[in-house]
C-alpha cells in the first residue's frame, strides 16, 4: 500500500544510469544546497553571542576585536574558495580537492557531523 502511494506521489524510482542526467531546478536547488553554509553562519553568530553573554560586561569590550577576527577569517575563507575555483575549474568540490591533495582514501572519508545537525 505504501509503495503504491509513494509511486503515485513521487513517481517511479530511477536507475543509477538515469540519475546523471537529472538536474534540480534552481528554485529547489538553491534552498537545498545553500542551507548548510547559511545555517553554519547563523550557528557561529549565536555561539559568539552566547559566550559574550555568559562573560558579561567584561567581555563586551572584546566584541569589536571578535568582529575583526571574524572578518579576517571570512576574508581567508573567501580567498581560499576563490583559489580553489581557479585551481579546479572543472568542479568536483571537496572530493576532487581532497583526492588530488590527500589521496582517494581521504577523499572518500566523510567529514564528522555536528550532533546538532540532523540528516
PDB file of N, CA and C in Angstrom:
ATOM      1  N   UNK A   1       0.821  -1.192   0.000  1.00  0.00           N
ATOM      2  CA  UNK A   1       0.000   0.000   0.000  1.00  0.00           C
ATOM      3  C   UNK A   1       0.872   1.266   0.000  1.00  0.00           C
ATOM      4  N   UNK A   2       1.887   1.273   0.868  1.00  0.00           N
ATOM      5  CA  UNK A   2       2.770   2.432   0.955  1.00  0.00           C
ATOM      6  C   UNK A   2       3.532   2.633  -0.353  1.00  0.00           C
ATOM      7  N   UNK A   3       3.966   1.526  -0.965  1.00  0.00           N
ATOM      8  CA  UNK A   3       4.716   1.636  -2.222  1.00  0.00           C
ATOM      9  C   UNK A   3       3.867   2.229  -3.338  1.00  0.00           C
ATOM     10  N   UNK A   4       2.602   1.869  -3.376  1.00  0.00           N
ATOM     11  CA  UNK A   4       1.711   2.400  -4.407  1.00  0.00           C
ATOM     12  C   UNK A   4       1.503   3.904  -4.198  1.00  0.00           C
ATOM     13  N   UNK A   5       1.265   4.312  -2.956  1.00  0.00           N
ATOM     14  CA  UNK A   5       1.066   5.738  -2.666  1.00  0.00           C
ATOM     15  C   UNK A   5       2.337   6.526  -2.961  1.00  0.00           C
ATOM     16  N   UNK A   6       3.467   5.955  -2.599  1.00  0.00           N
ATOM     17  CA  UNK A   6       4.749   6.625  -2.850  1.00  0.00           C
ATOM     18  C   UNK A   6       4.981   6.793  -4.349  1.00  0.00           C
ATOM     19  N   UNK A   7       4.701   5.755  -5.141  1.00  0.00           N
ATOM     20  CA  UNK A   7       4.903   5.831  -6.582  1.00  0.00           C
ATOM     21  C   UNK A   7       3.950   6.839  -7.219  1.00  0.00           C
ATOM     22  N   UNK A   8       2.725   6.950  -6.699  1.00  0.00           N
ATOM     23  CA  UNK A   8       1.777   7.920  -7.237  1.00  0.00           C
ATOM     24  C   UNK A   8       2.194   9.352  -6.919  1.00  0.00           C
ATOM     25  N   UNK A   9       2.725   9.601  -5.718  1.00  0.00           N
ATOM     26  CA  UNK A   9       3.124  10.948  -5.311  1.00  0.00           C
ATOM     27  C   UNK A   9       4.470  11.369  -5.878  1.00  0.00           C
ATOM     28  N   UNK A  10       5.429  10.461  -5.837  1.00  0.00           N
ATOM     29  CA  UNK A  10       6.797  10.815  -6.219  1.00  0.00           C
ATOM     30  C   UNK A  10       7.155  10.340  -7.622  1.00  0.00           C
ATOM     31  N   UNK A  11       6.646   9.212  -7.998  1.00  0.00           N
ATOM     32  CA  UNK A  11       6.982   8.640  -9.297  1.00  0.00           C
ATOM     33  C   UNK A  11       7.828   7.387  -9.141  1.00  0.00           C
ATOM     34  N   UNK A  12       8.105   6.757 -10.256  1.00  0.00           N
ATOM     35  CA  UNK A  12       8.913   5.540 -10.231  1.00  0.00           C
ATOM     36  C   UNK A  12      10.362   5.859  -9.881  1.00  0.00           C
ATOM     37  N   UNK A  13      11.008   4.908  -9.236  1.00  0.00           N
ATOM     38  CA  UNK A  13      12.426   5.061  -8.915  1.00  0.00           C
ATOM     39  C   UNK A  13      13.233   5.003 -10.204  1.00  0.00           C
ATOM     40  N   UNK A  14      14.277   5.786 -10.273  1.00  0.00           N
ATOM     41  CA  UNK A  14      15.134   5.803 -11.451  1.00  0.00           C
ATOM     42  C   UNK A  14      16.344   4.925 -11.222  1.00  0.00           C
ATOM     43  N   UNK A  15      16.846   4.389 -12.305  1.00  0.00           N
ATOM     44  CA  UNK A  15      18.072   3.605 -12.228  1.00  0.00           C
ATOM     45  C   UNK A  15      19.259   4.550 -12.066  1.00  0.00           C
ATOM     46  N   UNK A  16      20.357   4.015 -11.571  1.00  0.00           N
ATOM     47  CA  UNK A  16      21.553   4.833 -11.339  1.00  0.00           C
ATOM     48  C   UNK A  16      22.036   5.495 -12.622  1.00  0.00           C
ATOM     49  N   UNK A  17      21.905   4.809 -13.746  1.00  0.00           N
ATOM     50  CA  UNK A  17      22.366   5.364 -15.019  1.00  0.00           C
ATOM     51  C   UNK A  17      21.553   6.601 -15.414  1.00  0.00           C
ATOM     52  N   UNK A  18      20.303   6.681 -14.998  1.00  0.00           N
ATOM     53  CA  UNK A  18      19.430   7.795 -15.350  1.00  0.00           C
ATOM     54  C   UNK A  18      19.654   9.018 -14.457  1.00  0.00           C
ATOM     55  N   UNK A  19      20.255   8.836 -13.290  1.00  0.00           N
ATOM     56  CA  UNK A  19      20.388   9.936 -12.337  1.00  0.00           C
ATOM     57  C   UNK A  19      21.422  10.958 -12.752  1.00  0.00           C
ATOM     58  N   UNK A  20      22.384  10.588 -13.590  1.00  0.00           N
ATOM     59  CA  UNK A  20      23.407  11.531 -14.020  1.00  0.00           C
ATOM     60  C   UNK A  20      22.847  12.673 -14.836  1.00  0.00           C
ATOM     61  N   UNK A  21      21.749  12.461 -15.517  1.00  0.00           N
ATOM     62  CA  UNK A  21      21.145  13.495 -16.355  1.00  0.00           C
ATOM     63  C   UNK A  21      20.118  14.328 -15.608  1.00  0.00           C
ATOM     64  N   UNK A  22      19.901  14.029 -14.357  1.00  0.00           N
ATOM     65  CA  UNK A  22      18.873  14.719 -13.580  1.00  0.00           C
ATOM     66  C   UNK A  22      19.445  15.989 -12.967  1.00  0.00           C
ATOM     67  N   UNK A  23      18.784  17.090 -13.204  1.00  0.00           N
ATOM     68  CA  UNK A  23      19.169  18.362 -12.618  1.00  0.00           C
ATOM     69  C   UNK A  23      18.001  18.907 -11.811  1.00  0.00           C
ATOM     70  N   UNK A  24      18.316  19.515 -10.685  1.00  0.00           N
ATOM     71  CA  UNK A  24      17.272  20.158  -9.906  1.00  0.00           C
ATOM     72  C   UNK A  24      17.012  21.548 -10.470  1.00  0.00           C
ATOM     73  N   UNK A  25      15.767  21.985 -10.460  1.00  0.00           N
ATOM     74  CA  UNK A  25      15.505  23.362 -10.880  1.00  0.00           C
ATOM     75  C   UNK A  25      16.111  24.332  -9.855  1.00  0.00           C
ATOM     76  N   UNK A  26      16.444  25.529 -10.304  1.00  0.00           N
ATOM     77  CA  UNK A  26      17.115  26.496  -9.430  1.00  0.00           C
ATOM     78  C   UNK A  26      16.288  26.848  -8.200  1.00  0.00           C
ATOM     79  N   UNK A  27      14.966  26.922  -8.348  1.00  0.00           N
ATOM     80  CA  UNK A  27      14.114  27.287  -7.220  1.00  0.00           C
ATOM     81  C   UNK A  27      14.171  26.233  -6.123  1.00  0.00           C
ATOM     82  N   UNK A  28      14.543  24.998  -6.451  1.00  0.00           N
ATOM     83  CA  UNK A  28      14.648  23.939  -5.463  1.00  0.00           C
ATOM     84  C   UNK A  28      16.096  23.714  -5.028  1.00  0.00           C
ATOM     85  N   UNK A  29      17.023  23.802  -5.972  1.00  0.00           N
ATOM     86  CA  UNK A  29      18.426  23.518  -5.666  1.00  0.00           C
ATOM     87  C   UNK A  29      19.028  24.569  -4.738  1.00  0.00           C
ATOM     88  N   UNK A  30      18.703  25.833  -4.948  1.00  0.00           N
ATOM     89  CA  UNK A  30      19.297  26.893  -4.136  1.00  0.00           C
ATOM     90  C   UNK A  30      18.962  26.748  -2.652  1.00  0.00           C
ATOM     91  N   UNK A  31      17.687  26.596  -2.268  1.00  0.00           N
ATOM     92  CA  UNK A  31      17.428  26.447  -0.830  1.00  0.00           C
ATOM     93  C   UNK A  31      17.972  25.152  -0.253  1.00  0.00           C
ATOM     94  N   UNK A  32      18.031  24.091  -1.051  1.00  0.00           N
ATOM     95  CA  UNK A  32      18.531  22.815  -0.540  1.00  0.00           C
ATOM     96  C   UNK A  32      20.029  22.885  -0.287  1.00  0.00           C
ATOM     97  N   UNK A  33      20.794  23.379  -1.250  1.00  0.00           N
ATOM     98  CA  UNK A  33      22.245  23.359  -1.131  1.00  0.00           C
ATOM     99  C   UNK A  33      22.817  24.582  -0.420  1.00  0.00           C
ATOM    100  N   UNK A  34      22.069  25.664  -0.328  1.00  0.00           N
ATOM    101  CA  UNK A  34      22.572  26.853   0.345  1.00  0.00           C
ATOM    102  C   UNK A  34      22.264  26.846   1.833  1.00  0.00           C
ATOM    103  N   UNK A  35      21.456  25.914   2.293  1.00  0.00           N
ATOM    104  CA  UNK A  35      21.071  25.931   3.706  1.00  0.00           C
ATOM    105  C   UNK A  35      22.235  25.608   4.625  1.00  0.00           C
ATOM    106  N   UNK A  36      23.179  24.781   4.201  1.00  0.00           N
ATOM    107  CA  UNK A  36      24.287  24.399   5.078  1.00  0.00           C
ATOM    108  C   UNK A  36      25.194  25.576   5.413  1.00  0.00           C
ATOM    109  N   UNK A  37      25.707  26.331   4.422  1.00  0.00           N
ATOM    110  CA  UNK A  37      26.542  27.465   4.815  1.00  0.00           C
ATOM    111  C   UNK A  37      25.776  28.555   5.560  1.00  0.00           C
ATOM    112  N   UNK A  38      24.516  28.746   5.206  1.00  0.00           N
ATOM    113  CA  UNK A  38      23.723  29.762   5.886  1.00  0.00           C
ATOM    114  C   UNK A  38      23.520  29.380   7.345  1.00  0.00           C
ATOM    115  N   UNK A  39      23.197  28.105   7.604  1.00  0.00           N
ATOM    116  CA  UNK A  39      22.993  27.684   8.988  1.00  0.00           C
ATOM    117  C   UNK A  39      24.298  27.710   9.765  1.00  0.00           C
ATOM    118  N   UNK A  40      25.421  27.416   9.103  1.00  0.00           N
ATOM    119  CA  UNK A  40      26.712  27.485   9.793  1.00  0.00           C
ATOM    120  C   UNK A  40      27.005  28.903  10.252  1.00  0.00           C
ATOM    121  N   UNK A  41      26.727  29.875   9.403  1.00  0.00           N
ATOM    122  CA  UNK A  41      26.954  31.274   9.775  1.00  0.00           C
ATOM    123  C   UNK A  41      26.033  31.661  10.929  1.00  0.00           C
ATOM    124  N   UNK A  42      24.798  31.211  10.882  1.00  0.00           N
ATOM    125  CA  UNK A  42      23.852  31.546  11.946  1.00  0.00           C
ATOM    126  C   UNK A  42      24.274  30.916  13.270  1.00  0.00           C
ATOM    127  N   UNK A  43      24.693  29.661  13.255  1.00  0.00           N
ATOM    128  CA  UNK A  43      25.107  28.998  14.487  1.00  0.00           C
ATOM    129  C   UNK A  43      26.371  29.637  15.055  1.00  0.00           C
ATOM    130  N   UNK A  44      27.300  30.032  14.202  1.00  0.00           N
ATOM    131  CA  UNK A  44      28.535  30.650  14.685  1.00  0.00           C
ATOM    132  C   UNK A  44      28.220  31.963  15.392  1.00  0.00           C
ATOM    133  N   UNK A  45      27.363  32.774  14.797  1.00  0.00           N
ATOM    134  CA  UNK A  45      26.984  34.045  15.411  1.00  0.00           C
ATOM    135  C   UNK A  45      26.274  33.811  16.739  1.00  0.00           C
ATOM    136  N   UNK A  46      25.415  32.823  16.777  1.00  0.00           N
ATOM    137  CA  UNK A  46      24.687  32.510  18.005  1.00  0.00           C
ATOM    138  C   UNK A  46      25.653  32.093  19.120  1.00  0.00           C
ATOM    139  N   UNK A  47      26.635  31.281  18.785  1.00  0.00           N
ATOM    140  CA  UNK A  47      27.593  30.823  19.784  1.00  0.00           C
ATOM    141  C   UNK A  47      28.464  31.970  20.295  1.00  0.00           C
ATOM    142  N   UNK A  48      28.843  32.879  19.416  1.00  0.00           N
ATOM    143  CA  UNK A  48      29.645  34.037  19.834  1.00  0.00           C
ATOM    144  C   UNK A  48      28.842  34.897  20.803  1.00  0.00           C
ATOM    145  N   UNK A  49      27.592  35.162  20.466  1.00  0.00           N
ATOM    146  CA  UNK A  49      26.745  35.971  21.340  1.00  0.00           C
ATOM    147  C   UNK A  49      26.536  35.258  22.671  1.00  0.00           C
ATOM    148  N   UNK A  50      26.385  33.934  22.627  1.00  0.00           N
ATOM    149  CA  UNK A  50      26.194  33.165  23.861  1.00  0.00           C
ATOM    150  C   UNK A  50      27.421  33.276  24.765  1.00  0.00           C
ATOM    151  N   UNK A  51      28.614  33.149  24.208  1.00  0.00           N
ATOM    152  CA  UNK A  51      29.840  33.269  25.001  1.00  0.00           C
ATOM    153  C   UNK A  51      29.974  34.676  25.565  1.00  0.00           C
ATOM    154  N   UNK A  52      29.698  35.676  24.741  1.00  0.00           N
ATOM    155  CA  UNK A  52      29.776  37.056  25.219  1.00  0.00           C
ATOM    156  C   UNK A  52      28.729  37.332  26.292  1.00  0.00           C
ATOM    157  N   UNK A  53      27.552  36.729  26.186  1.00  0.00           N
ATOM    158  CA  UNK A  53      26.506  36.929  27.189  1.00  0.00           C
ATOM    159  C   UNK A  53      26.909  36.295  28.517  1.00  0.00           C
ATOM    160  N   UNK A  54      27.503  35.103  28.470  1.00  0.00           N
ATOM    161  CA  UNK A  54      27.932  34.463  29.717  1.00  0.00           C
ATOM    162  C   UNK A  54      29.098  35.220  30.352  1.00  0.00           C
ATOM    163  N   UNK A  55      29.924  35.829  29.540  1.00  0.00           N
ATOM    164  CA  UNK A  55      31.053  36.575  30.075  1.00  0.00           C
ATOM    165  C   UNK A  55      30.646  37.882  30.715  1.00  0.00           C
ATOM    166  N   UNK A  56      29.497  38.393  30.337  1.00  0.00           N
ATOM    167  CA  UNK A  56      29.018  39.635  30.917  1.00  0.00           C
ATOM    168  C   UNK A  56      29.723  40.845  30.349  1.00  0.00           C
ATOM    169  N   UNK A  57      29.691  41.897  31.121  1.00  0.00           N
ATOM    170  CA  UNK A  57      30.234  43.178  30.671  1.00  0.00           C
ATOM    171  C   UNK A  57      31.739  43.125  30.460  1.00  0.00           C
ATOM    172  N   UNK A  58      32.416  42.202  31.119  1.00  0.00           N
ATOM    173  CA  UNK A  58      33.876  42.112  30.983  1.00  0.00           C
ATOM    174  C   UNK A  58      34.270  41.761  29.556  1.00  0.00           C
ATOM    175  N   UNK A  59      33.449  40.973  28.876  1.00  0.00           N
ATOM    176  CA  UNK A  59      33.795  40.549  27.520  1.00  0.00           C
ATOM    177  C   UNK A  59      33.184  41.428  26.435  1.00  0.00           C
ATOM    178  N   UNK A  60      32.294  42.314  26.795  1.00  0.00           N
ATOM    179  CA  UNK A  60      31.679  43.193  25.792  1.00  0.00           C
ATOM    180  C   UNK A  60      32.743  44.063  25.121  1.00  0.00           C
ATOM    181  N   UNK A  61      33.756  44.449  25.873  1.00  0.00           N
ATOM    182  CA  UNK A  61      34.832  45.268  25.299  1.00  0.00           C
ATOM    183  C   UNK A  61      35.596  44.498  24.228  1.00  0.00           C
ATOM    184  N   UNK A  62      35.569  43.177  24.297  1.00  0.00           N
ATOM    185  CA  UNK A  62      36.273  42.354  23.312  1.00  0.00           C
ATOM    186  C   UNK A  62      35.452  42.121  22.052  1.00  0.00           C
ATOM    187  N   UNK A  63      34.189  42.515  22.047  1.00  0.00           N
ATOM    188  CA  UNK A  63      33.327  42.199  20.911  1.00  0.00           C
ATOM    189  C   UNK A  63      33.816  42.836  19.612  1.00  0.00           C
ATOM    190  N   UNK A  64      34.420  44.021  19.693  1.00  0.00           N
ATOM    191  CA  UNK A  64      34.953  44.643  18.473  1.00  0.00           C
ATOM    192  C   UNK A  64      36.097  43.816  17.911  1.00  0.00           C
ATOM    193  N   UNK A  65      36.956  43.320  18.779  1.00  0.00           N
ATOM    194  CA  UNK A  65      38.085  42.501  18.315  1.00  0.00           C
ATOM    195  C   UNK A  65      37.603  41.152  17.777  1.00  0.00           C
ATOM    196  N   UNK A  66      36.569  40.617  18.400  1.00  0.00           N
ATOM    197  CA  UNK A  66      35.986  39.370  17.889  1.00  0.00           C
ATOM    198  C   UNK A  66      35.429  39.605  16.493  1.00  0.00           C
ATOM    199  N   UNK A  67      34.773  40.740  16.274  1.00  0.00           N
ATOM    200  CA  UNK A  67      34.234  41.074  14.950  1.00  0.00           C
ATOM    201  C   UNK A  67      35.358  41.214  13.927  1.00  0.00           C
ATOM    202  N   UNK A  68      36.479  41.802  14.328  1.00  0.00           N
ATOM    203  CA  UNK A  68      37.623  41.940  13.415  1.00  0.00           C
ATOM    204  C   UNK A  68      38.180  40.565  13.058  1.00  0.00           C
ATOM    205  N   UNK A  69      38.321  39.698  14.049  1.00  0.00           N
ATOM    206  CA  UNK A  69      38.836  38.345  13.793  1.00  0.00           C
ATOM    207  C   UNK A  69      37.891  37.582  12.867  1.00  0.00           C
ATOM    208  N   UNK A  70      36.587  37.719  13.082  1.00  0.00           N
ATOM    209  CA  UNK A  70      35.605  37.047  12.219  1.00  0.00           C
ATOM    210  C   UNK A  70      35.708  37.575  10.792  1.00  0.00           C
ATOM    211  N   UNK A  71      35.872  38.883  10.637  1.00  0.00           N
ATOM    212  CA  UNK A  71      36.010  39.461   9.293  1.00  0.00           C
ATOM    213  C   UNK A  71      37.270  38.941   8.608  1.00  0.00           C
ATOM    214  N   UNK A  72      38.370  38.826   9.352  1.00  0.00           N
ATOM    215  CA  UNK A  72      39.609  38.298   8.775  1.00  0.00           C
ATOM    216  C   UNK A  72      39.422  36.836   8.371  1.00  0.00           C
ATOM    217  N   UNK A  73      38.802  36.038   9.242  1.00  0.00           N
ATOM    218  CA  UNK A  73      38.550  34.636   8.901  1.00  0.00           C
ATOM    219  C   UNK A  73      37.650  34.514   7.677  1.00  0.00           C
ATOM    220  N   UNK A  74      36.645  35.363   7.586  1.00  0.00           N
ATOM    221  CA  UNK A  74      35.759  35.350   6.424  1.00  0.00           C
ATOM    222  C   UNK A  74      36.531  35.686   5.155  1.00  0.00           C
ATOM    223  N   UNK A  75      37.429  36.659   5.238  1.00  0.00           N
ATOM    224  CA  UNK A  75      38.258  37.004   4.074  1.00  0.00           C
ATOM    225  C   UNK A  75      39.162  35.841   3.680  1.00  0.00           C
ATOM    226  N   UNK A  76      39.698  35.124   4.661  1.00  0.00           N
ATOM    227  CA  UNK A  76      40.540  33.957   4.371  1.00  0.00           C
ATOM    228  C   UNK A  76      39.719  32.870   3.687  1.00  0.00           C
ATOM    229  N   UNK A  77      38.507  32.630   4.173  1.00  0.00           N
ATOM    230  CA  UNK A  77      37.649  31.600   3.566  1.00  0.00           C
ATOM    231  C   UNK A  77      37.291  31.978   2.130  1.00  0.00           C
ATOM    232  N   UNK A  78      36.936  33.241   1.897  1.00  0.00           N
ATOM    233  CA  UNK A  78      36.586  33.686   0.544  1.00  0.00           C
ATOM    234  C   UNK A  78      37.789  33.544  -0.383  1.00  0.00           C
ATOM    235  N   UNK A  79      38.961  33.941   0.089  1.00  0.00           N
ATOM    236  CA  UNK A  79      40.180  33.806  -0.715  1.00  0.00           C
ATOM    237  C   UNK A  79      40.465  32.343  -1.023  1.00  0.00           C
ATOM    238  N   UNK A  80      40.290  31.486  -0.035  1.00  0.00           N
ATOM    239  CA  UNK A  80      40.517  30.058  -0.238  1.00  0.00           C
ATOM    240  C   UNK A  80      39.552  29.485  -1.270  1.00  0.00           C
ATOM    241  N   UNK A  81      38.269  29.848  -1.179  1.00  0.00           N
ATOM    242  CA  UNK A  81      37.283  29.374  -2.155  1.00  0.00           C
ATOM    243  C   UNK A  81      37.636  29.862  -3.562  1.00  0.00           C
ATOM    244  N   UNK A  82      38.057  31.115  -3.677  1.00  0.00           N
ATOM    245  CA  UNK A  82      38.413  31.646  -4.993  1.00  0.00           C
ATOM    246  C   UNK A  82      39.616  30.888  -5.570  1.00  0.00           C
ATOM    247  N   UNK A  83      40.618  30.621  -4.731  1.00  0.00           N
ATOM    248  CA  UNK A  83      41.785  29.879  -5.196  1.00  0.00           C
ATOM    249  C   UNK A  83      41.397  28.462  -5.614  1.00  0.00           C
ATOM    250  N   UNK A  84      40.491  27.849  -4.859  1.00  0.00           N
ATOM    251  CA  UNK A  84      40.036  26.500  -5.203  1.00  0.00           C
ATOM    252  C   UNK A  84      39.299  26.508  -6.531  1.00  0.00           C
ATOM    253  N   UNK A  85      38.455  27.518  -6.763  1.00  0.00           N
ATOM    254  CA  UNK A  85      37.713  27.609  -8.025  1.00  0.00           C
ATOM    255  C   UNK A  85      38.659  27.812  -9.207  1.00  0.00           C
ATOM    256  N   UNK A  86      39.721  28.577  -9.009  1.00  0.00           N
ATOM    257  CA  UNK A  86      40.699  28.788 -10.087  1.00  0.00           C
ATOM    258  C   UNK A  86      41.552  27.540 -10.310  1.00  0.00           C
ATOM    259  N   UNK A  87      41.879  26.826  -9.232  1.00  0.00           N
ATOM    260  CA  UNK A  87      42.723  25.632  -9.356  1.00  0.00           C
ATOM    261  C   UNK A  87      41.946  24.450  -9.940  1.00  0.00           C
ATOM    262  N   UNK A  88      40.641  24.387  -9.698  1.00  0.00           N
ATOM    263  CA  UNK A  88      39.812  23.278 -10.175  1.00  0.00           C
ATOM    264  C   UNK A  88      38.627  23.834 -10.958  1.00  0.00           C
ATOM    265  N   UNK A  89      38.861  24.349 -12.161  1.00  0.00           N
ATOM    266  CA  UNK A  89      37.763  24.971 -12.910  1.00  0.00           C
ATOM    267  C   UNK A  89      36.695  23.979 -13.351  1.00  0.00           C
ATOM    268  N   UNK A  90      37.035  22.692 -13.377  1.00  0.00           N
ATOM    269  CA  UNK A  90      36.054  21.691 -13.784  1.00  0.00           C
ATOM    270  C   UNK A  90      35.111  21.297 -12.672  1.00  0.00           C
ATOM    271  N   UNK A  91      35.309  21.823 -11.482  1.00  0.00           N
ATOM    272  CA  UNK A  91      34.445  21.482 -10.356  1.00  0.00           C
ATOM    273  C   UNK A  91      34.913  20.229  -9.655  1.00  0.00           C
ATOM    274  N   UNK A  92      34.020  19.571  -8.983  1.00  0.00           N
ATOM    275  CA  UNK A  92      34.353  18.366  -8.248  1.00  0.00           C
ATOM    276  C   UNK A  92      34.245  18.555  -6.754  1.00  0.00           C
ATOM    277  N   UNK A  93      34.275  19.794  -6.303  1.00  0.00           N
ATOM    278  CA  UNK A  93      34.067  20.096  -4.896  1.00  0.00           C
ATOM    279  C   UNK A  93      35.141  19.547  -3.986  1.00  0.00           C
ATOM    280  N   UNK A  94      34.728  19.293  -2.745  1.00  0.00           N
ATOM    281  CA  UNK A  94      35.665  18.855  -1.713  1.00  0.00           C
ATOM    282  C   UNK A  94      36.274  17.499  -2.062  1.00  0.00           C
ATOM    283  N   UNK A  95      35.517  16.647  -2.749  1.00  0.00           N
ATOM    284  CA  UNK A  95      36.053  15.332  -3.112  1.00  0.00           C
ATOM    285  C   UNK A  95      37.262  15.482  -4.026  1.00  0.00           C
ATOM    286  N   UNK A  96      37.145  16.291  -5.052  1.00  0.00           N
ATOM    287  CA  UNK A  96      38.240  16.440  -6.014  1.00  0.00           C
ATOM    288  C   UNK A  96      39.466  17.068  -5.353  1.00  0.00           C
ATOM    289  N   UNK A  97      39.259  18.091  -4.554  1.00  0.00           N
ATOM    290  CA  UNK A  97      40.376  18.751  -3.881  1.00  0.00           C
ATOM    291  C   UNK A  97      41.067  17.778  -2.928  1.00  0.00           C
ATOM    292  N   UNK A  98      40.288  17.026  -2.158  1.00  0.00           N
ATOM    293  CA  UNK A  98      40.866  16.050  -1.225  1.00  0.00           C
ATOM    294  C   UNK A  98      41.578  14.933  -1.958  1.00  0.00           C
ATOM    295  N   UNK A  99      41.007  14.459  -3.061  1.00  0.00           N
ATOM    296  CA  UNK A  99      41.606  13.359  -3.800  1.00  0.00           C
ATOM    297  C   UNK A  99      42.961  13.765  -4.370  1.00  0.00           C
ATOM    298  N   UNK A 100      43.047  14.960  -4.944  1.00  0.00           N
ATOM    299  CA  UNK A 100      44.301  15.415  -5.547  1.00  0.00           C
ATOM    300  C   UNK A 100      45.356  15.673  -4.476  1.00  0.00           C
ATOM    301  N   UNK A 101      44.966  16.285  -3.366  1.00  0.00           N
ATOM    302  CA  UNK A 101      45.939  16.705  -2.362  1.00  0.00           C
ATOM    303  C   UNK A 101      46.215  15.669  -1.279  1.00  0.00           C
ATOM    304  N   UNK A 102      45.226  14.840  -0.934  1.00  0.00           N
ATOM    305  CA  UNK A 102      45.376  13.908   0.188  1.00  0.00           C
ATOM    306  C   UNK A 102      45.259  12.444  -0.199  1.00  0.00           C
ATOM    307  N   UNK A 103      44.767  12.169  -1.397  1.00  0.00           N
ATOM    308  CA  UNK A 103      44.595  10.788  -1.829  1.00  0.00           C
ATOM    309  C   UNK A 103      43.136  10.369  -1.813  1.00  0.00           C
ATOM    310  N   UNK A 104      42.877   9.246  -2.484  1.00  0.00           N
ATOM    311  CA  UNK A 104      41.493   8.800  -2.641  1.00  0.00           C
ATOM    312  C   UNK A 104      40.866   8.354  -1.317  1.00  0.00           C
ATOM    313  N   UNK A 105      41.661   7.726  -0.447  1.00  0.00           N
ATOM    314  CA  UNK A 105      41.105   7.267   0.830  1.00  0.00           C
ATOM    315  C   UNK A 105      40.597   8.445   1.655  1.00  0.00           C
ATOM    316  N   UNK A 106      41.379   9.508   1.728  1.00  0.00           N
ATOM    317  CA  UNK A 106      40.947  10.696   2.479  1.00  0.00           C
ATOM    318  C   UNK A 106      39.741  11.345   1.820  1.00  0.00           C
ATOM    319  N   UNK A 107      39.694  11.316   0.500  1.00  0.00           N
ATOM    320  CA  UNK A 107      38.574  11.939  -0.208  1.00  0.00           C
ATOM    321  C   UNK A 107      37.274  11.190   0.030  1.00  0.00           C
ATOM    322  N   UNK A 108      37.365   9.885   0.207  1.00  0.00           N
ATOM    323  CA  UNK A 108      36.166   9.076   0.423  1.00  0.00           C
ATOM    324  C   UNK A 108      35.739   9.027   1.883  1.00  0.00           C
ATOM    325  N   UNK A 109      36.557   9.549   2.784  1.00  0.00           N
ATOM    326  CA  UNK A 109      36.220   9.568   4.201  1.00  0.00           C
ATOM    327  C   UNK A 109      35.278  10.728   4.460  1.00  0.00           C
ATOM    328  N   UNK A 110      34.099  10.441   4.992  1.00  0.00           N
ATOM    329  CA  UNK A 110      33.148  11.537   5.225  1.00  0.00           C
ATOM    330  C   UNK A 110      33.608  12.409   6.380  1.00  0.00           C
ATOM    331  N   UNK A 111      33.288  13.697   6.315  1.00  0.00           N
ATOM    332  CA  UNK A 111      33.665  14.591   7.415  1.00  0.00           C
ATOM    333  C   UNK A 111      32.801  14.299   8.634  1.00  0.00           C
ATOM    334  N   UNK A 112      33.291  14.630   9.827  1.00  0.00           N
ATOM    335  CA  UNK A 112      32.461  14.437  11.029  1.00  0.00           C
ATOM    336  C   UNK A 112      31.282  15.395  11.006  1.00  0.00           C
ATOM    337  N   UNK A 113      30.161  14.938  11.541  1.00  0.00           N
ATOM    338  CA  UNK A 113      28.968  15.762  11.560  1.00  0.00           C
ATOM    339  C   UNK A 113      28.729  16.262  12.972  1.00  0.00           C
ATOM    340  N   UNK A 114      28.205  17.455  13.057  1.00  0.00           N
ATOM    341  CA  UNK A 114      27.869  18.015  14.368  1.00  0.00           C
ATOM    342  C   UNK A 114      26.660  17.290  14.925  1.00  0.00           C
ATOM    343  N   UNK A 115      26.623  17.137  16.217  1.00  0.00           N
ATOM    344  CA  UNK A 115      25.494  16.445  16.819  1.00  0.00           C
ATOM    345  C   UNK A 115      24.208  17.268  16.743  1.00  0.00           C
ATOM    346  N   UNK A 116      24.329  18.583  16.519  1.00  0.00           N
ATOM    347  CA  UNK A 116      23.135  19.420  16.464  1.00  0.00           C
ATOM    348  C   UNK A 116      22.448  19.376  15.107  1.00  0.00           C
ATOM    349  N   UNK A 117      23.133  18.844  14.074  1.00  0.00           N
ATOM    350  CA  UNK A 117      22.501  18.767  12.751  1.00  0.00           C
ATOM    351  C   UNK A 117      21.836  17.419  12.587  1.00  0.00           C
ATOM    352  N   UNK A 118      20.778  17.399  11.831  1.00  0.00           N
ATOM    353  CA  UNK A 118      20.067  16.159  11.565  1.00  0.00           C
ATOM    354  C   UNK A 118      20.224  15.787  10.125  1.00  0.00           C
ATOM    355  N   UNK A 119      20.269  14.512   9.860  1.00  0.00           N
ATOM    356  CA  UNK A 119      20.417  14.040   8.481  1.00  0.00           C
ATOM    357  C   UNK A 119      19.094  13.600   7.935  1.00  0.00           C
TER     358      UNK A 119
END
